[in-house]
Amino acid sequence: MKVNKGMFLEIDYTGKIKDGMVFDTTVLDVAKNNELFEKDKLYQPVKLCVGRGHVIKGLDISLEGKEIGQEYSVEISPEDAFGKRSASLIKLVPLSQFKRSDINPTPGLSVQINDTVGVIKNVSGGRVLVDFNNPLSGKEIIYEVKVIKELEKTQDKVECILQNRLGLKPESLEIQGDKAKISVKYNLPAQVVELISNEIKECISDLKEIVFEEKKEEEPKTDALKTDKLSQDKEIGENKK
């Protein structure tokens, strides 16, 4: 079966720069063999909806027309990977700004300024040269991809969108006819709920109504039990009088 736009898939992948350096993978052995292993990271196939931007543009486009169950090597240009390098993203930052944050700037150090991550390139004359380009920008990328299977269950598809857009797994998910009831740990902003609900309905035609609710933790019953116990003790004491 060939992959079509809008199809939900489970894939394994390994991304590397064209010169051979691996920078990302879903495969445990590959991570260990390339010194990428992180003990807190879960290495497993990822789920996505083709054409929804759940992975970088070039990889997303390349999946269309591929055969499920097959493995592929996909070469992606900088424009469809992590973008071209931009001179406007290389900036001079006053050294005083780092000192106020108690940071000793040195070449190669990664820093976050105004919610943007950059790498220090040079420190000279009270100014620090910081490169805010993505480290992989301007590079041709190769992805080794295995298209494992199509996701067919509605629940798997909804969970796929929630994971890719919000990075969370619902506390509970109920599918009843054309309605999905999604329980999460905390209240989501109304705008986020609207965006996610619209995407779910666009990607999964069987669903017409999406309901989000915050799962409230059950209140502990210990206090009630203590109250009952105190009442019983008081009653016993009064009877003894």
Protein backbone atom coordinates (compact mmCIF):
# COMPACT_ATOMS: atom_id res chain seq x y z
CA MET A 1 0.00 0.00 0.00
CA LYS A 2 1.27 3.46 -0.92
CA VAL A 3 1.33 6.42 1.46
CA ASN A 4 -1.07 9.26 0.69
CA LYS A 5 -1.35 12.78 2.07
CA GLY A 6 -3.49 12.75 5.20
CA MET A 7 -2.58 9.17 6.10
CA PHE A 8 -1.52 8.47 9.69
CA LEU A 9 1.74 6.54 9.94
CA GLU A 10 4.19 5.06 12.39
CA ILE A 11 7.81 5.44 11.26
CA ASP A 12 11.37 4.97 12.46
CA TYR A 13 14.01 7.39 11.22
CA THR A 14 17.64 8.39 11.54
CA GLY A 15 18.71 11.86 10.47
CA LYS A 16 22.28 12.66 9.50
CA ILE A 17 24.22 15.42 7.80
CA LYS A 18 25.34 14.53 4.29
CA ASP A 19 28.92 14.09 5.54
CA GLY A 20 27.65 11.18 7.65
CA MET A 21 27.27 12.67 11.19
CA VAL A 22 24.06 11.41 12.84
CA PHE A 23 22.14 14.10 14.77
CA ASP A 24 18.81 12.43 15.55
CA THR A 25 17.24 8.98 15.63
CA THR A 26 14.28 7.02 16.97
CA VAL A 27 16.34 3.81 17.13
CA LEU A 28 18.04 2.94 20.42
CA ASP A 29 21.03 1.06 18.97
CA VAL A 30 21.75 3.86 16.51
CA ALA A 31 21.67 6.40 19.34
CA LYS A 32 24.12 4.36 21.41
CA ASN A 33 26.46 3.73 18.47
CA ASN A 34 26.61 7.45 17.64
CA GLU A 35 26.98 8.85 21.18
CA LEU A 36 23.47 10.36 21.08
CA PHE A 37 21.94 8.22 23.81
CA GLU A 38 20.02 10.10 26.51
CA LYS A 39 18.76 8.01 29.42
CA ASP A 40 15.59 10.09 29.86
CA LYS A 41 14.64 9.94 26.17
CA LEU A 42 12.25 7.30 24.85
CA TYR A 43 13.52 5.64 21.66
CA GLN A 44 10.56 4.32 19.71
CA PRO A 45 8.76 4.86 16.38
CA VAL A 46 7.02 8.22 15.96
CA LYS A 47 3.46 8.74 14.82
CA LEU A 48 2.47 11.45 12.34
CA CYS A 49 -0.13 12.56 9.85
CA VAL A 50 1.39 13.03 6.40
CA GLY A 51 1.16 16.60 5.14
CA ARG A 52 0.44 18.21 8.54
CA GLY A 53 3.98 19.32 9.33
CA HIS A 54 4.51 16.88 12.18
CA VAL A 55 8.07 16.40 10.88
CA ILE A 56 10.34 18.71 8.87
CA LYS A 57 9.00 19.74 5.48
CA GLY A 58 11.33 17.69 3.28
CA LEU A 59 10.72 14.47 5.19
CA ASP A 60 6.98 15.09 5.27
CA ILE A 61 6.79 15.59 1.50
CA SER A 62 9.03 12.60 0.78
CA LEU A 63 6.69 10.16 2.53
CA GLU A 64 3.95 10.56 -0.09
CA GLY A 65 4.00 7.70 -2.56
CA LYS A 66 6.25 5.47 -0.46
CA GLU A 67 5.28 1.87 0.26
CA ILE A 68 4.29 0.84 3.78
CA GLY A 69 6.72 -1.68 5.23
CA GLN A 70 9.67 -0.47 3.15
CA GLU A 71 12.85 1.42 4.05
CA TYR A 72 14.10 4.52 2.21
CA SER A 73 16.99 6.96 2.13
CA VAL A 74 15.78 10.52 1.56
CA GLU A 75 18.06 13.46 0.70
CA ILE A 76 16.70 16.86 1.73
CA SER A 77 17.92 20.31 0.68
CA PRO A 78 18.57 23.02 3.33
CA GLU A 79 15.44 24.88 2.20
CA ASP A 80 13.25 21.87 3.05
CA ALA A 81 15.24 20.86 6.12
CA PHE A 82 16.44 23.42 8.69
CA GLY A 83 16.63 26.42 6.41
CA LYS A 84 19.46 28.42 4.86
CA ARG A 85 21.93 30.27 7.06
CA SER A 86 21.06 33.92 7.52
CA ALA A 87 23.57 36.68 8.25
CA SER A 88 20.82 38.63 10.02
CA LEU A 89 20.73 35.94 12.72
CA ILE A 90 24.35 36.59 13.69
CA LYS A 91 24.24 39.38 16.27
CA LEU A 92 26.50 41.40 18.56
CA VAL A 93 25.34 41.36 22.16
CA PRO A 94 26.84 43.64 24.88
CA LEU A 95 29.06 41.74 27.31
CA SER A 96 27.25 43.53 30.16
CA GLN A 97 24.06 41.63 29.31
CA PHE A 98 25.79 38.34 30.10
CA LYS A 99 27.38 39.68 33.29
CA ARG A 100 23.97 40.78 34.58
CA SER A 101 22.87 37.16 34.23
CA ASP A 102 26.09 35.91 35.84
CA ILE A 103 27.18 34.18 32.62
CA ASN A 104 30.81 33.94 31.54
CA PRO A 105 30.56 33.96 27.72
CA THR A 106 33.05 31.72 25.92
CA PRO A 107 33.16 30.56 22.27
CA GLY A 108 31.03 27.46 21.71
CA LEU A 109 28.74 28.11 24.67
CA SER A 110 25.00 27.76 23.97
CA VAL A 111 22.92 30.60 25.39
CA GLN A 112 19.29 31.66 25.39
CA ILE A 113 18.50 35.31 24.81
CA ASN A 114 14.92 36.58 24.50
CA ASP A 115 13.69 32.98 24.23
CA THR A 116 16.03 32.30 21.29
CA VAL A 117 18.92 29.83 21.50
CA GLY A 118 22.25 30.78 19.99
CA VAL A 119 25.92 29.80 20.06
CA ILE A 120 28.68 32.20 21.07
CA LYS A 121 31.23 32.57 18.27
CA ASN A 122 33.58 35.25 19.59
CA VAL A 123 34.13 37.56 22.57
CA SER A 124 36.00 40.82 21.97
CA GLY A 125 36.02 44.45 23.12
CA GLY A 126 33.04 44.26 25.43
CA ARG A 127 30.87 42.62 22.77
CA VAL A 128 29.86 39.02 22.16
CA LEU A 129 29.17 37.59 18.70
CA VAL A 130 26.23 35.16 18.89
CA ASP A 131 24.97 32.97 16.05
CA PHE A 132 21.22 32.34 16.32
CA ASN A 133 21.05 30.16 13.21
CA ASN A 134 19.97 26.57 13.73
CA PRO A 135 23.20 24.51 13.94
CA LEU A 136 21.86 22.39 11.05
CA SER A 137 20.87 25.33 8.85
CA GLY A 138 22.52 25.45 5.45
CA LYS A 139 23.25 21.73 5.48
CA GLU A 140 21.95 18.97 3.22
CA ILE A 141 20.28 16.29 5.31
CA ILE A 142 19.74 12.58 4.75
CA TYR A 143 17.01 10.63 6.52
CA GLU A 144 16.99 6.86 6.68
CA VAL A 145 13.29 6.06 7.08
CA LYS A 146 11.30 2.90 7.68
CA VAL A 147 7.56 3.25 7.06
CA ILE A 148 6.33 0.73 9.61
CA LYS A 149 2.56 0.82 9.38
CA GLU A 150 -0.58 2.85 8.89
CA LEU A 151 -2.51 3.91 11.98
CA GLU A 152 -6.14 2.97 11.48
CA LYS A 153 -7.76 3.32 14.92
CA THR A 154 -9.40 6.68 15.61
CA GLN A 155 -7.98 6.76 19.13
CA ASP A 156 -4.42 6.34 17.81
CA LYS A 157 -4.98 9.18 15.34
CA VAL A 158 -6.25 11.58 18.01
CA GLU A 159 -3.36 10.70 20.31
CA CYS A 160 -0.96 11.29 17.42
CA ILE A 161 -2.19 14.87 16.94
CA LEU A 162 -2.12 15.60 20.67
CA GLN A 163 1.44 14.32 20.96
CA ASN A 164 2.73 16.26 17.97
CA ARG A 165 0.97 19.53 18.77
CA LEU A 166 0.95 19.58 22.56
CA GLY A 167 3.54 16.99 23.53
CA LEU A 168 1.12 15.20 25.82
CA LYS A 169 -0.80 12.00 26.21
CA PRO A 170 -4.41 12.44 27.38
CA GLU A 171 -5.41 11.22 30.82
CA SER A 172 -8.34 9.53 29.11
CA LEU A 173 -9.85 9.49 25.64
CA GLU A 174 -13.37 8.37 24.82
CA ILE A 175 -14.67 7.96 21.28
CA GLN A 176 -18.45 7.75 21.04
CA GLY A 177 -19.78 7.86 17.49
CA ASP A 178 -18.64 11.15 15.96
CA LYS A 179 -17.61 12.67 19.32
CA ALA A 180 -14.23 12.58 21.05
CA LYS A 181 -13.98 13.42 24.74
CA ILE A 182 -10.41 14.26 25.74
CA SER A 183 -9.35 14.56 29.37
CA VAL A 184 -6.08 16.39 30.16
CA LYS A 185 -4.27 17.30 33.37
CA TYR A 186 -4.78 21.05 33.07
CA ASN A 187 -7.00 23.61 31.40
CA LEU A 188 -5.88 24.57 27.90
CA PRO A 189 -6.32 28.12 26.54
CA ALA A 190 -9.47 28.48 24.44
CA GLN A 191 -7.44 29.34 21.33
CA VAL A 192 -5.34 26.18 21.68
CA VAL A 193 -8.45 24.04 22.16
CA GLU A 194 -9.97 25.53 19.00
CA LEU A 195 -6.83 24.97 16.90
CA ILE A 196 -6.38 21.37 18.05
CA SER A 197 -10.08 20.57 17.70
CA ASN A 198 -10.12 21.92 14.15
CA GLU A 199 -7.06 19.90 13.19
CA ILE A 200 -8.55 16.71 14.62
CA LYS A 201 -11.78 17.21 12.65
CA GLU A 202 -9.86 18.07 9.46
CA CYS A 203 -7.65 14.98 9.72
CA ILE A 204 -10.24 12.52 11.02
CA SER A 205 -13.46 12.91 9.02
CA ASP A 206 -15.41 10.54 11.30
CA LEU A 207 -15.19 13.04 14.18
CA LYS A 208 -17.51 16.06 14.24
CA GLU A 209 -17.35 17.13 17.88
CA ILE A 210 -14.30 17.47 20.13
CA VAL A 211 -14.63 18.10 23.86
CA PHE A 212 -11.68 18.91 26.13
CA GLU A 213 -11.99 18.70 29.89
CA GLU A 214 -9.58 19.02 32.78
CA LYS A 215 -9.25 15.86 34.80
CA LYS A 216 -9.68 16.84 38.42
CA GLU A 217 -7.86 14.74 40.94
CA GLU A 218 -10.07 13.02 43.45
CA GLU A 219 -9.99 14.60 46.86
CA PRO A 220 -8.39 12.39 49.49
CA LYS A 221 -10.92 10.64 51.70
CA THR A 222 -8.65 10.52 54.77
CA ASP A 223 -10.13 13.66 56.34
CA ALA A 224 -13.64 12.30 55.99
CA LEU A 225 -12.55 9.04 57.58
CA LYS A 226 -10.93 10.91 60.47
CA THR A 227 -14.10 12.94 61.00
CA ASP A 228 -16.19 9.79 61.10
CA LYS A 229 -13.76 8.21 63.56
CA LEU A 230 -13.83 11.27 65.83
CA SER A 231 -17.64 11.27 65.78
CA GLN A 232 -17.70 7.60 66.73
CA ASP A 233 -15.20 8.11 69.56
CA LYS A 234 -17.23 11.06 70.86
CA GLU A 235 -20.43 9.05 70.78
CA ILE A 236 -18.79 6.14 72.64
CA GLY A 237 -17.44 8.54 75.26
CA GLU A 238 -20.85 10.09 75.86
CA ASN A 239 -22.46 6.67 76.22
CA LYS A 240 -19.97 5.74 78.93
CA LYS A 241 -20.93 8.75 81.02
